[in-house]
Amino acid sequence: MSIKSRLGKLSLEQPIEHFITDQAQHNRFELLPITLRHIAAVETLPLLHGTLLTVC
């Protein structure tokens, strides 16, 4: 989402940090902690159209 917003492909009415916090509370989502182990695991994800597939 941050990348889309920065590229102008996603328009948000508030800073992304506030948007995500508000939406998580509104939709009863729990934000999960991301550890170094999770970040390192991204290297093992398959390439999709020449780029890494990431979940946002």
Protein backbone atom coordinates (compact mmCIF):
# COMPACT_ATOMS: atom_id res chain seq x y z
CA MET A 1 0.00 0.00 0.00
CA SER A 2 2.83 2.38 0.80
CA ILE A 3 4.39 1.83 -2.60
CA LYS A 4 1.06 2.29 -4.42
CA SER A 5 0.39 5.46 -2.45
CA ARG A 6 3.85 6.85 -3.17
CA LEU A 7 3.47 6.11 -6.89
CA GLY A 8 0.12 7.91 -6.96
CA LYS A 9 -1.82 4.72 -7.69
CA LEU A 10 -3.61 4.78 -4.32
CA SER A 11 -5.11 7.92 -2.85
CA LEU A 12 -5.58 8.01 0.91
CA GLU A 13 -7.27 10.82 2.85
CA GLN A 14 -4.88 10.40 5.79
CA PRO A 15 -1.32 9.18 6.41
CA ILE A 16 -1.02 5.44 5.78
CA GLU A 17 -0.14 4.72 9.43
CA HIS A 18 -3.44 6.26 10.55
CA PHE A 19 -5.38 4.61 7.72
CA ILE A 20 -4.14 1.14 8.58
CA THR A 21 -4.67 1.65 12.32
CA ASP A 22 -8.22 2.93 11.77
CA GLN A 23 -9.11 0.15 9.34
CA ALA A 24 -7.65 -2.54 11.59
CA GLN A 25 -9.77 -1.31 14.49
CA HIS A 26 -12.90 -0.86 12.36
CA ASN A 27 -12.60 -4.35 10.82
CA ARG A 28 -11.37 -5.99 14.02
CA PHE A 29 -8.03 -6.99 12.49
CA GLU A 30 -5.07 -7.74 14.67
CA LEU A 31 -1.78 -6.44 13.34
CA LEU A 32 0.79 -9.20 13.66
CA PRO A 33 4.38 -8.54 14.67
CA ILE A 34 6.92 -9.00 11.88
CA THR A 35 10.27 -10.42 12.96
CA LEU A 36 13.63 -10.68 11.23
CA ARG A 37 12.78 -14.34 10.52
CA HIS A 38 9.69 -13.24 8.57
CA ILE A 39 11.66 -10.66 6.62
CA ALA A 40 14.32 -13.24 5.70
CA ALA A 41 11.61 -15.63 4.50
CA VAL A 42 10.64 -13.15 1.77
CA GLU A 43 13.74 -14.29 -0.14
CA THR A 44 12.18 -17.73 -0.54
CA LEU A 45 8.94 -16.50 -2.11
CA PRO A 46 8.41 -17.35 -5.78
CA LEU A 47 8.92 -14.67 -8.39
CA LEU A 48 5.74 -13.41 -10.02
CA HIS A 49 6.15 -11.58 -13.33
CA GLY A 50 9.79 -10.91 -12.52
CA THR A 51 9.13 -9.45 -9.08
CA LEU A 52 8.66 -10.91 -5.63
CA LEU A 53 5.10 -11.67 -4.65
CA THR A 54 4.33 -9.86 -1.41
CA VAL A 55 1.21 -9.84 0.68
CA CYS A 56 -0.11 -6.47 1.77
